[in-house]
């Protein structure tokens, strides 16, 4: 959430949804915490359920162990990219 460089990519939206559901969340809470709308989140929720990243229990969604691993990997990738790219999007020199 709160990406300062404009529109979020699919990984960032999925990360926000999975983080929102880590302790269990209603769809309304996920939409709010992911800073999105119902129409947009609906597709991500179904994809995450189909991929085993989320599980549904009644009206609540929970992030699975696999989903938590995805969150960790996405955050790791974001950190790597921040270290590799300058503020203007240029690759930082190596060495």
C-alpha atoms as a PDB file:
ATOM      1  CA  UNK A   1       0.000   0.000   0.000  1.00  0.00           C
ATOM      2  CA  UNK A   2       0.953   3.587  -0.399  1.00  0.00           C
ATOM      3  CA  UNK A   3       3.268   3.084  -3.338  1.00  0.00           C
ATOM      4  CA  UNK A   4       4.732   6.521  -4.036  1.00  0.00           C
ATOM      5  CA  UNK A   5       5.653   5.876  -7.638  1.00  0.00           C
ATOM      6  CA  UNK A   6       2.150   5.566  -9.052  1.00  0.00           C
ATOM      7  CA  UNK A   7       0.053   2.576  -9.952  1.00  0.00           C
ATOM      8  CA  UNK A   8       0.761  -0.672  -8.107  1.00  0.00           C
ATOM      9  CA  UNK A   9       1.589  -3.816 -10.004  1.00  0.00           C
ATOM     10  CA  UNK A  10      -0.189  -7.156  -9.568  1.00  0.00           C
ATOM     11  CA  UNK A  11       2.392  -8.425  -7.078  1.00  0.00           C
ATOM     12  CA  UNK A  12       1.939  -5.368  -4.874  1.00  0.00           C
ATOM     13  CA  UNK A  13      -1.851  -5.666  -4.903  1.00  0.00           C
ATOM     14  CA  UNK A  14      -1.647  -9.395  -4.151  1.00  0.00           C
ATOM     15  CA  UNK A  15       0.837  -8.693  -1.341  1.00  0.00           C
ATOM     16  CA  UNK A  16      -1.556  -6.162   0.206  1.00  0.00           C
ATOM     17  CA  UNK A  17      -4.464  -8.622   0.014  1.00  0.00           C
ATOM     18  CA  UNK A  18      -2.454 -11.457   1.554  1.00  0.00           C
ATOM     19  CA  UNK A  19      -1.158  -9.212   4.345  1.00  0.00           C
ATOM     20  CA  UNK A  20      -4.693  -8.011   5.066  1.00  0.00           C
ATOM     21  CA  UNK A  21      -5.918 -11.607   5.430  1.00  0.00           C
ATOM     22  CA  UNK A  22      -3.077 -12.946   7.585  1.00  0.00           C
ATOM     23  CA  UNK A  23      -5.177 -12.938  10.756  1.00  0.00           C
ATOM     24  CA  UNK A  24      -8.438 -13.496   8.926  1.00  0.00           C
ATOM     25  CA  UNK A  25     -10.460 -10.757   7.286  1.00  0.00           C
ATOM     26  CA  UNK A  26     -13.819 -10.053   5.724  1.00  0.00           C
ATOM     27  CA  UNK A  27     -13.834  -9.050   2.063  1.00  0.00           C
ATOM     28  CA  UNK A  28     -14.716  -5.480   3.106  1.00  0.00           C
ATOM     29  CA  UNK A  29     -11.636  -5.293   5.329  1.00  0.00           C
ATOM     30  CA  UNK A  30      -9.418  -6.681   2.563  1.00  0.00           C
ATOM     31  CA  UNK A  31     -10.740  -4.115   0.081  1.00  0.00           C
ATOM     32  CA  UNK A  32     -10.084  -1.326   2.581  1.00  0.00           C
ATOM     33  CA  UNK A  33      -6.617  -2.525   3.638  1.00  0.00           C
ATOM     34  CA  UNK A  34      -5.596  -3.206   0.033  1.00  0.00           C
ATOM     35  CA  UNK A  35      -6.718   0.313  -0.910  1.00  0.00           C
ATOM     36  CA  UNK A  36      -8.818  -1.014  -3.775  1.00  0.00           C
ATOM     37  CA  UNK A  37     -12.447  -1.701  -4.724  1.00  0.00           C
ATOM     38  CA  UNK A  38     -14.696  -4.774  -4.653  1.00  0.00           C
ATOM     39  CA  UNK A  39     -14.595  -5.360  -8.401  1.00  0.00           C
ATOM     40  CA  UNK A  40     -10.810  -5.249  -8.519  1.00  0.00           C
ATOM     41  CA  UNK A  41     -10.270  -7.374  -5.398  1.00  0.00           C
ATOM     42  CA  UNK A  42     -12.797 -10.037  -6.454  1.00  0.00           C
ATOM     43  CA  UNK A  43     -10.522 -11.335  -9.229  1.00  0.00           C
ATOM     44  CA  UNK A  44      -7.449 -11.335  -7.006  1.00  0.00           C
ATOM     45  CA  UNK A  45      -9.306 -13.201  -4.253  1.00  0.00           C
ATOM     46  CA  UNK A  46     -10.443 -15.921  -6.651  1.00  0.00           C
ATOM     47  CA  UNK A  47      -6.966 -16.273  -8.118  1.00  0.00           C
ATOM     48  CA  UNK A  48      -5.429 -16.461  -4.631  1.00  0.00           C
ATOM     49  CA  UNK A  49      -7.986 -19.079  -3.564  1.00  0.00           C
ATOM     50  CA  UNK A  50      -7.382 -21.139  -6.711  1.00  0.00           C
ATOM     51  CA  UNK A  51      -3.607 -20.929  -6.160  1.00  0.00           C
ATOM     52  CA  UNK A  52      -3.797 -21.975  -2.520  1.00  0.00           C
ATOM     53  CA  UNK A  53      -2.574 -18.600  -1.244  1.00  0.00           C
ATOM     54  CA  UNK A  54      -5.823 -17.932   0.624  1.00  0.00           C
ATOM     55  CA  UNK A  55      -8.451 -20.125   2.216  1.00  0.00           C
ATOM     56  CA  UNK A  56     -12.036 -19.191   2.878  1.00  0.00           C
ATOM     57  CA  UNK A  57     -13.841 -20.059   6.094  1.00  0.00           C
ATOM     58  CA  UNK A  58     -17.392 -18.796   6.044  1.00  0.00           C
ATOM     59  CA  UNK A  59     -17.220 -15.110   5.197  1.00  0.00           C
ATOM     60  CA  UNK A  60     -13.574 -14.724   6.236  1.00  0.00           C
ATOM     61  CA  UNK A  61     -10.406 -15.126   4.214  1.00  0.00           C
ATOM     62  CA  UNK A  62      -7.147 -16.392   5.704  1.00  0.00           C
ATOM     63  CA  UNK A  63      -3.669 -16.321   4.214  1.00  0.00           C
ATOM     64  CA  UNK A  64      -2.229 -19.828   3.982  1.00  0.00           C
ATOM     65  CA  UNK A  65       1.385 -20.796   4.710  1.00  0.00           C
ATOM     66  CA  UNK A  66       1.985 -20.708   0.962  1.00  0.00           C
ATOM     67  CA  UNK A  67       0.484 -17.202   0.836  1.00  0.00           C
ATOM     68  CA  UNK A  68       2.755 -16.050   3.678  1.00  0.00           C
ATOM     69  CA  UNK A  69       5.745 -17.375   1.729  1.00  0.00           C
ATOM     70  CA  UNK A  70       4.623 -15.387  -1.320  1.00  0.00           C
ATOM     71  CA  UNK A  71       4.370 -12.222   0.815  1.00  0.00           C
ATOM     72  CA  UNK A  72       7.913 -12.759   2.095  1.00  0.00           C
ATOM     73  CA  UNK A  73       9.237 -13.314  -1.440  1.00  0.00           C
ATOM     74  CA  UNK A  74       7.477 -10.259  -2.870  1.00  0.00           C
ATOM     75  CA  UNK A  75       8.867  -8.064  -0.071  1.00  0.00           C
ATOM     76  CA  UNK A  76      12.330  -9.548  -0.633  1.00  0.00           C
ATOM     77  CA  UNK A  77      12.086  -8.801  -4.356  1.00  0.00           C
ATOM     78  CA  UNK A  78      10.923  -5.232  -3.690  1.00  0.00           C
ATOM     79  CA  UNK A  79      13.919  -4.655  -1.407  1.00  0.00           C
ATOM     80  CA  UNK A  80      16.312  -6.105  -3.984  1.00  0.00           C
ATOM     81  CA  UNK A  81      14.888  -3.867  -6.685  1.00  0.00           C
ATOM     82  CA  UNK A  82      15.129  -0.773  -4.478  1.00  0.00           C
ATOM     83  CA  UNK A  83      18.798  -1.540  -3.897  1.00  0.00           C
ATOM     84  CA  UNK A  84      19.446  -2.230  -7.587  1.00  0.00           C
ATOM     85  CA  UNK A  85      17.668   0.764  -9.112  1.00  0.00           C
ATOM     86  CA  UNK A  86      18.279   4.443  -8.520  1.00  0.00           C
ATOM     87  CA  UNK A  87      15.450   6.876  -7.932  1.00  0.00           C
ATOM     88  CA  UNK A  88      15.281   7.656 -11.670  1.00  0.00           C
ATOM     89  CA  UNK A  89      14.895   3.963 -12.534  1.00  0.00           C
ATOM     90  CA  UNK A  90      18.521   3.525 -13.552  1.00  0.00           C
ATOM     91  CA  UNK A  91      20.435   0.419 -12.604  1.00  0.00           C
ATOM     92  CA  UNK A  92      22.923   1.164  -9.840  1.00  0.00           C
ATOM     93  CA  UNK A  93      26.550   0.371 -10.659  1.00  0.00           C
ATOM     94  CA  UNK A  94      27.790  -2.988  -9.428  1.00  0.00           C
ATOM     95  CA  UNK A  95      31.026  -3.218  -7.452  1.00  0.00           C
END
